[in-house]
Amino acid sequence: DQLEQHLKSIGQPEALGAFREARQTI
């Protein structure tokens, strides 16, 4: 959750999207 919030704050939508997809798959 902290990683996700950090990616939002620094404006990295692509990394955030890949990260969310990985979380969902896991």
PDB file of all heavy atoms in Angstrom:
ATOM      1  N   ASP A   1       0.834  -1.208   0.000  1.00  0.00           N
ATOM      2  CA  ASP A   1       0.000   0.000   0.000  1.00  0.00           C
ATOM      3  C   ASP A   1       0.866   1.255   0.000  1.00  0.00           C
ATOM      4  O   ASP A   1       0.548   2.248  -0.674  1.00  0.00           O
ATOM      5  CB  ASP A   1      -0.926   0.009   1.216  1.00  0.00           C
ATOM      6  CG  ASP A   1      -2.061  -0.993   1.102  1.00  0.00           C
ATOM      7  OD1 ASP A   1      -2.332  -1.456  -0.024  1.00  0.00           O
ATOM      8  OD2 ASP A   1      -2.664  -1.334   2.143  1.00  0.00           O
ATOM      9  N   GLN A   2       1.957   1.224   0.744  1.00  0.00           N
ATOM     10  CA  GLN A   2       2.867   2.368   0.782  1.00  0.00           C
ATOM     11  C   GLN A   2       3.573   2.556  -0.564  1.00  0.00           C
ATOM     12  O   GLN A   2       3.751   3.684  -1.031  1.00  0.00           O
ATOM     13  CB  GLN A   2       3.917   2.179   1.886  1.00  0.00           C
ATOM     14  CG  GLN A   2       3.354   2.235   3.291  1.00  0.00           C
ATOM     15  CD  GLN A   2       2.729   3.581   3.602  1.00  0.00           C
ATOM     16  OE1 GLN A   2       3.395   4.607   3.655  1.00  0.00           O
ATOM     17  NE2 GLN A   2       1.417   3.587   3.805  1.00  0.00           N
ATOM     18  N   LEU A   3       3.942   1.452  -1.191  1.00  0.00           N
ATOM     19  CA  LEU A   3       4.560   1.536  -2.510  1.00  0.00           C
ATOM     20  C   LEU A   3       3.591   2.157  -3.515  1.00  0.00           C
ATOM     21  O   LEU A   3       3.974   3.013  -4.321  1.00  0.00           O
ATOM     22  CB  LEU A   3       4.976   0.135  -2.981  1.00  0.00           C
ATOM     23  CG  LEU A   3       6.213  -0.467  -2.314  1.00  0.00           C
ATOM     24  CD1 LEU A   3       6.332  -1.949  -2.651  1.00  0.00           C
ATOM     25  CD2 LEU A   3       7.469   0.277  -2.763  1.00  0.00           C
ATOM     26  N   GLU A   4       2.334   1.738  -3.446  1.00  0.00           N
ATOM     27  CA  GLU A   4       1.329   2.253  -4.369  1.00  0.00           C
ATOM     28  C   GLU A   4       1.106   3.749  -4.155  1.00  0.00           C
ATOM     29  O   GLU A   4       1.035   4.529  -5.119  1.00  0.00           O
ATOM     30  CB  GLU A   4       0.018   1.488  -4.186  1.00  0.00           C
ATOM     31  CG  GLU A   4      -1.062   1.899  -5.167  1.00  0.00           C
ATOM     32  CD  GLU A   4      -2.240   0.951  -5.161  1.00  0.00           C
ATOM     33  OE1 GLU A   4      -2.029  -0.271  -5.020  1.00  0.00           O
ATOM     34  OE2 GLU A   4      -3.376   1.446  -5.292  1.00  0.00           O
ATOM     35  N   GLN A   5       0.999   4.169  -2.898  1.00  0.00           N
ATOM     36  CA  GLN A   5       0.811   5.588  -2.604  1.00  0.00           C
ATOM     37  C   GLN A   5       2.005   6.415  -3.072  1.00  0.00           C
ATOM     38  O   GLN A   5       1.846   7.535  -3.564  1.00  0.00           O
ATOM     39  CB  GLN A   5       0.592   5.781  -1.098  1.00  0.00           C
ATOM     40  CG  GLN A   5      -0.743   5.250  -0.595  1.00  0.00           C
ATOM     41  CD  GLN A   5      -0.926   5.475   0.896  1.00  0.00           C
ATOM     42  OE1 GLN A   5      -0.598   6.528   1.416  1.00  0.00           O
ATOM     43  NE2 GLN A   5      -1.445   4.478   1.596  1.00  0.00           N
ATOM     44  N   HIS A   6       3.202   5.847  -2.927  1.00  0.00           N
ATOM     45  CA  HIS A   6       4.413   6.553  -3.346  1.00  0.00           C
ATOM     46  C   HIS A   6       4.439   6.736  -4.860  1.00  0.00           C
ATOM     47  O   HIS A   6       4.783   7.817  -5.364  1.00  0.00           O
ATOM     48  CB  HIS A   6       5.650   5.779  -2.885  1.00  0.00           C
ATOM     49  CG  HIS A   6       6.945   6.439  -3.240  1.00  0.00           C
ATOM     50  ND1 HIS A   6       7.341   7.651  -2.728  1.00  0.00           N
ATOM     51  CD2 HIS A   6       7.943   6.043  -4.095  1.00  0.00           C
ATOM     52  CE1 HIS A   6       8.519   7.993  -3.218  1.00  0.00           C
ATOM     53  NE2 HIS A   6       8.908   7.031  -4.058  1.00  0.00           N
ATOM     54  N   LEU A   7       4.089   5.698  -5.597  1.00  0.00           N
ATOM     55  CA  LEU A   7       4.071   5.793  -7.061  1.00  0.00           C
ATOM     56  C   LEU A   7       3.064   6.841  -7.529  1.00  0.00           C
ATOM     57  O   LEU A   7       3.301   7.547  -8.500  1.00  0.00           O
ATOM     58  CB  LEU A   7       3.738   4.426  -7.672  1.00  0.00           C
ATOM     59  CG  LEU A   7       4.819   3.350  -7.547  1.00  0.00           C
ATOM     60  CD1 LEU A   7       4.298   2.010  -8.040  1.00  0.00           C
ATOM     61  CD2 LEU A   7       6.070   3.750  -8.320  1.00  0.00           C
ATOM     62  N   LYS A   8       1.950   6.932  -6.829  1.00  0.00           N
ATOM     63  CA  LYS A   8       0.953   7.964  -7.151  1.00  0.00           C
ATOM     64  C   LYS A   8       1.542   9.355  -6.937  1.00  0.00           C
ATOM     65  O   LYS A   8       1.374  10.256  -7.765  1.00  0.00           O
ATOM     66  CB  LYS A   8      -0.280   7.801  -6.264  1.00  0.00           C
ATOM     67  CG  LYS A   8      -1.214   6.675  -6.644  1.00  0.00           C
ATOM     68  CD  LYS A   8      -2.410   6.682  -5.703  1.00  0.00           C
ATOM     69  CE  LYS A   8      -3.356   5.535  -5.997  1.00  0.00           C
ATOM     70  NZ  LYS A   8      -4.505   5.518  -5.044  1.00  0.00           N
ATOM     71  N   SER A   9       2.237   9.519  -5.807  1.00  0.00           N
ATOM     72  CA  SER A   9       2.739  10.845  -5.434  1.00  0.00           C
ATOM     73  C   SER A   9       3.835  11.351  -6.364  1.00  0.00           C
ATOM     74  O   SER A   9       3.998  12.559  -6.528  1.00  0.00           O
ATOM     75  CB  SER A   9       3.258  10.822  -3.986  1.00  0.00           C
ATOM     76  OG  SER A   9       4.438  10.029  -3.890  1.00  0.00           O
ATOM     77  N   ILE A  10       4.598  10.450  -6.964  1.00  0.00           N
ATOM     78  CA  ILE A  10       5.687  10.870  -7.847  1.00  0.00           C
ATOM     79  C   ILE A  10       5.281  10.814  -9.323  1.00  0.00           C
ATOM     80  O   ILE A  10       6.104  11.031 -10.207  1.00  0.00           O
ATOM     81  CB  ILE A  10       6.964  10.031  -7.617  1.00  0.00           C
ATOM     82  CG1 ILE A  10       6.721   8.557  -7.942  1.00  0.00           C
ATOM     83  CG2 ILE A  10       7.460  10.203  -6.196  1.00  0.00           C
ATOM     84  CD1 ILE A  10       7.984   7.695  -7.822  1.00  0.00           C
ATOM     85  N   GLY A  11       4.009  10.493  -9.577  1.00  0.00           N
ATOM     86  CA  GLY A  11       3.496  10.525 -10.939  1.00  0.00           C
ATOM     87  C   GLY A  11       4.105   9.509 -11.885  1.00  0.00           C
ATOM     88  O   GLY A  11       4.620   9.877 -12.946  1.00  0.00           O
ATOM     89  N   GLN A  12       4.048   8.234 -11.520  1.00  0.00           N
ATOM     90  CA  GLN A  12       4.527   7.156 -12.390  1.00  0.00           C
ATOM     91  C   GLN A  12       3.369   6.204 -12.700  1.00  0.00           C
ATOM     92  O   GLN A  12       3.296   5.105 -12.158  1.00  0.00           O
ATOM     93  CB  GLN A  12       5.686   6.410 -11.738  1.00  0.00           C
ATOM     94  CG  GLN A  12       6.956   7.226 -11.624  1.00  0.00           C
ATOM     95  CD  GLN A  12       8.157   6.387 -11.232  1.00  0.00           C
ATOM     96  OE1 GLN A  12       8.098   5.163 -11.142  1.00  0.00           O
ATOM     97  NE2 GLN A  12       9.271   7.062 -10.988  1.00  0.00           N
ATOM     98  N   PRO A  13       2.447   6.614 -13.578  1.00  0.00           N
ATOM     99  CA  PRO A  13       1.267   5.811 -13.868  1.00  0.00           C
ATOM    100  C   PRO A  13       1.552   4.442 -14.472  1.00  0.00           C
ATOM    101  O   PRO A  13       0.853   3.470 -14.172  1.00  0.00           O
ATOM    102  CB  PRO A  13       0.474   6.694 -14.841  1.00  0.00           C
ATOM    103  CG  PRO A  13       1.504   7.578 -15.469  1.00  0.00           C
ATOM    104  CD  PRO A  13       2.479   7.855 -14.371  1.00  0.00           C
ATOM    105  N   GLU A  14       2.581   4.341 -15.324  1.00  0.00           N
ATOM    106  CA  GLU A  14       2.892   3.055 -15.952  1.00  0.00           C
ATOM    107  C   GLU A  14       3.375   2.046 -14.919  1.00  0.00           C
ATOM    108  O   GLU A  14       2.946   0.887 -14.901  1.00  0.00           O
ATOM    109  CB  GLU A  14       3.951   3.240 -17.044  1.00  0.00           C
ATOM    110  CG  GLU A  14       3.440   4.025 -18.249  1.00  0.00           C
ATOM    111  CD  GLU A  14       4.482   4.129 -19.334  1.00  0.00           C
ATOM    112  OE1 GLU A  14       5.578   3.555 -19.182  1.00  0.00           O
ATOM    113  OE2 GLU A  14       4.193   4.787 -20.359  1.00  0.00           O
ATOM    114  N   ALA A  15       4.286   2.488 -14.056  1.00  0.00           N
ATOM    115  CA  ALA A  15       4.791   1.609 -13.004  1.00  0.00           C
ATOM    116  C   ALA A  15       3.672   1.235 -12.045  1.00  0.00           C
ATOM    117  O   ALA A  15       3.587   0.096 -11.575  1.00  0.00           O
ATOM    118  CB  ALA A  15       5.933   2.279 -12.246  1.00  0.00           C
ATOM    119  N   LEU A  16       2.794   2.210 -11.774  1.00  0.00           N
ATOM    120  CA  LEU A  16       1.672   1.957 -10.871  1.00  0.00           C
ATOM    121  C   LEU A  16       0.724   0.923 -11.460  1.00  0.00           C
ATOM    122  O   LEU A  16       0.265   0.019 -10.763  1.00  0.00           O
ATOM    123  CB  LEU A  16       0.923   3.258 -10.598  1.00  0.00           C
ATOM    124  CG  LEU A  16      -0.314   3.168  -9.697  1.00  0.00           C
ATOM    125  CD1 LEU A  16       0.066   2.624  -8.326  1.00  0.00           C
ATOM    126  CD2 LEU A  16      -0.973   4.545  -9.561  1.00  0.00           C
ATOM    127  N   GLY A  17       0.459   1.033 -12.770  1.00  0.00           N
ATOM    128  CA  GLY A  17      -0.430   0.072 -13.426  1.00  0.00           C
ATOM    129  C   GLY A  17       0.134  -1.338 -13.394  1.00  0.00           C
ATOM    130  O   GLY A  17      -0.583  -2.302 -13.098  1.00  0.00           O
ATOM    131  N   ALA A  18       1.427  -1.485 -13.695  1.00  0.00           N
ATOM    132  CA  ALA A  18       2.072  -2.797 -13.678  1.00  0.00           C
ATOM    133  C   ALA A  18       2.099  -3.366 -12.270  1.00  0.00           C
ATOM    134  O   ALA A  18       1.916  -4.569 -12.057  1.00  0.00           O
ATOM    135  CB  ALA A  18       3.494  -2.685 -14.221  1.00  0.00           C
ATOM    136  N   PHE A  19       2.324  -2.476 -11.306  1.00  0.00           N
ATOM    137  CA  PHE A  19       2.374  -2.892  -9.911  1.00  0.00           C
ATOM    138  C   PHE A  19       1.014  -3.408  -9.447  1.00  0.00           C
ATOM    139  O   PHE A  19       0.904  -4.455  -8.809  1.00  0.00           O
ATOM    140  CB  PHE A  19       2.815  -1.710  -9.048  1.00  0.00           C
ATOM    141  CG  PHE A  19       2.854  -1.991  -7.577  1.00  0.00           C
ATOM    142  CD1 PHE A  19       3.819  -2.829  -7.047  1.00  0.00           C
ATOM    143  CD2 PHE A  19       1.931  -1.423  -6.713  1.00  0.00           C
ATOM    144  CE1 PHE A  19       3.868  -3.093  -5.682  1.00  0.00           C
ATOM    145  CE2 PHE A  19       1.978  -1.672  -5.358  1.00  0.00           C
ATOM    146  CZ  PHE A  19       2.940  -2.513  -4.839  1.00  0.00           C
ATOM    147  N   ARG A  20      -0.056  -2.679  -9.793  1.00  0.00           N
ATOM    148  CA  ARG A  20      -1.410  -3.093  -9.402  1.00  0.00           C
ATOM    149  C   ARG A  20      -1.793  -4.422 -10.046  1.00  0.00           C
ATOM    150  O   ARG A  20      -2.417  -5.276  -9.420  1.00  0.00           O
ATOM    151  CB  ARG A  20      -2.408  -2.009  -9.794  1.00  0.00           C
ATOM    152  CG  ARG A  20      -2.409  -0.803  -8.865  1.00  0.00           C
ATOM    153  CD  ARG A  20      -3.360   0.272  -9.358  1.00  0.00           C
ATOM    154  NE  ARG A  20      -3.521   1.345  -8.377  1.00  0.00           N
ATOM    155  CZ  ARG A  20      -4.163   2.479  -8.623  1.00  0.00           C
ATOM    156  NH1 ARG A  20      -4.696   2.698  -9.823  1.00  0.00           N
ATOM    157  NH2 ARG A  20      -4.273   3.400  -7.680  1.00  0.00           N
ATOM    158  N   GLU A  21      -1.406  -4.581 -11.313  1.00  0.00           N
ATOM    159  CA  GLU A  21      -1.719  -5.833 -12.008  1.00  0.00           C
ATOM    160  C   GLU A  21      -1.017  -7.014 -11.351  1.00  0.00           C
ATOM    161  O   GLU A  21      -1.593  -8.093 -11.199  1.00  0.00           O
ATOM    162  CB  GLU A  21      -1.298  -5.728 -13.480  1.00  0.00           C
ATOM    163  CG  GLU A  21      -1.690  -6.936 -14.316  1.00  0.00           C
ATOM    164  CD  GLU A  21      -1.358  -6.777 -15.781  1.00  0.00           C
ATOM    165  OE1 GLU A  21      -1.033  -5.647 -16.201  1.00  0.00           O
ATOM    166  OE2 GLU A  21      -1.420  -7.778 -16.513  1.00  0.00           O
ATOM    167  N   ALA A  22       0.243  -6.786 -10.964  1.00  0.00           N
ATOM    168  CA  ALA A  22       0.999  -7.849 -10.296  1.00  0.00           C
ATOM    169  C   ALA A  22       0.357  -8.207  -8.962  1.00  0.00           C
ATOM    170  O   ALA A  22       0.223  -9.389  -8.615  1.00  0.00           O
ATOM    171  CB  ALA A  22       2.447  -7.402 -10.078  1.00  0.00           C
ATOM    172  N   ARG A  23      -0.065  -7.191  -8.198  1.00  0.00           N
ATOM    173  CA  ARG A  23      -0.720  -7.427  -6.907  1.00  0.00           C
ATOM    174  C   ARG A  23      -1.983  -8.261  -7.091  1.00  0.00           C
ATOM    175  O   ARG A  23      -2.259  -9.193  -6.333  1.00  0.00           O
ATOM    176  CB  ARG A  23      -1.077  -6.107  -6.233  1.00  0.00           C
ATOM    177  CG  ARG A  23       0.079  -5.331  -5.687  1.00  0.00           C
ATOM    178  CD  ARG A  23      -0.389  -4.154  -4.830  1.00  0.00           C
ATOM    179  NE  ARG A  23      -0.974  -4.586  -3.570  1.00  0.00           N
ATOM    180  CZ  ARG A  23      -1.387  -3.769  -2.614  1.00  0.00           C
ATOM    181  NH1 ARG A  23      -1.293  -2.461  -2.780  1.00  0.00           N
ATOM    182  NH2 ARG A  23      -1.896  -4.230  -1.493  1.00  0.00           N
ATOM    183  N   GLN A  24      -2.760  -7.917  -8.119  1.00  0.00           N
ATOM    184  CA  GLN A  24      -4.014  -8.623  -8.358  1.00  0.00           C
ATOM    185  C   GLN A  24      -3.762 -10.078  -8.752  1.00  0.00           C
ATOM    186  O   GLN A  24      -4.447 -10.985  -8.276  1.00  0.00           O
ATOM    187  CB  GLN A  24      -4.819  -7.915  -9.455  1.00  0.00           C
ATOM    188  CG  GLN A  24      -6.221  -8.488  -9.643  1.00  0.00           C
ATOM    189  CD  GLN A  24      -7.023  -7.714 -10.668  1.00  0.00           C
ATOM    190  OE1 GLN A  24      -6.539  -7.433 -11.760  1.00  0.00           O
ATOM    191  NE2 GLN A  24      -8.245  -7.363 -10.326  1.00  0.00           N
ATOM    192  N   THR A  25      -2.764 -10.281  -9.614  1.00  0.00           N
ATOM    193  CA  THR A  25      -2.441 -11.644 -10.035  1.00  0.00           C
ATOM    194  C   THR A  25      -1.988 -12.483  -8.852  1.00  0.00           C
ATOM    195  O   THR A  25      -2.400 -13.636  -8.691  1.00  0.00           O
ATOM    196  CB  THR A  25      -1.336 -11.624 -11.111  1.00  0.00           C
ATOM    197  OG1 THR A  25      -1.815 -10.932 -12.268  1.00  0.00           O
ATOM    198  CG2 THR A  25      -0.938 -13.045 -11.504  1.00  0.00           C
ATOM    199  N   ILE A  26      -1.137 -11.923  -8.023  1.00  0.00           N
ATOM    200  CA  ILE A  26      -0.643 -12.639  -6.850  1.00  0.00           C
ATOM    201  C   ILE A  26      -1.797 -12.985  -5.910  1.00  0.00           C
ATOM    202  O   ILE A  26      -1.881 -14.095  -5.386  1.00  0.00           O
ATOM    203  CB  ILE A  26       0.430 -11.804  -6.123  1.00  0.00           C
ATOM    204  CG1 ILE A  26       1.698 -11.728  -6.984  1.00  0.00           C
ATOM    205  CG2 ILE A  26       0.756 -12.400  -4.750  1.00  0.00           C
ATOM    206  CD1 ILE A  26       2.739 -10.753  -6.480  1.00  0.00           C
TER     207      ILE A  26
END
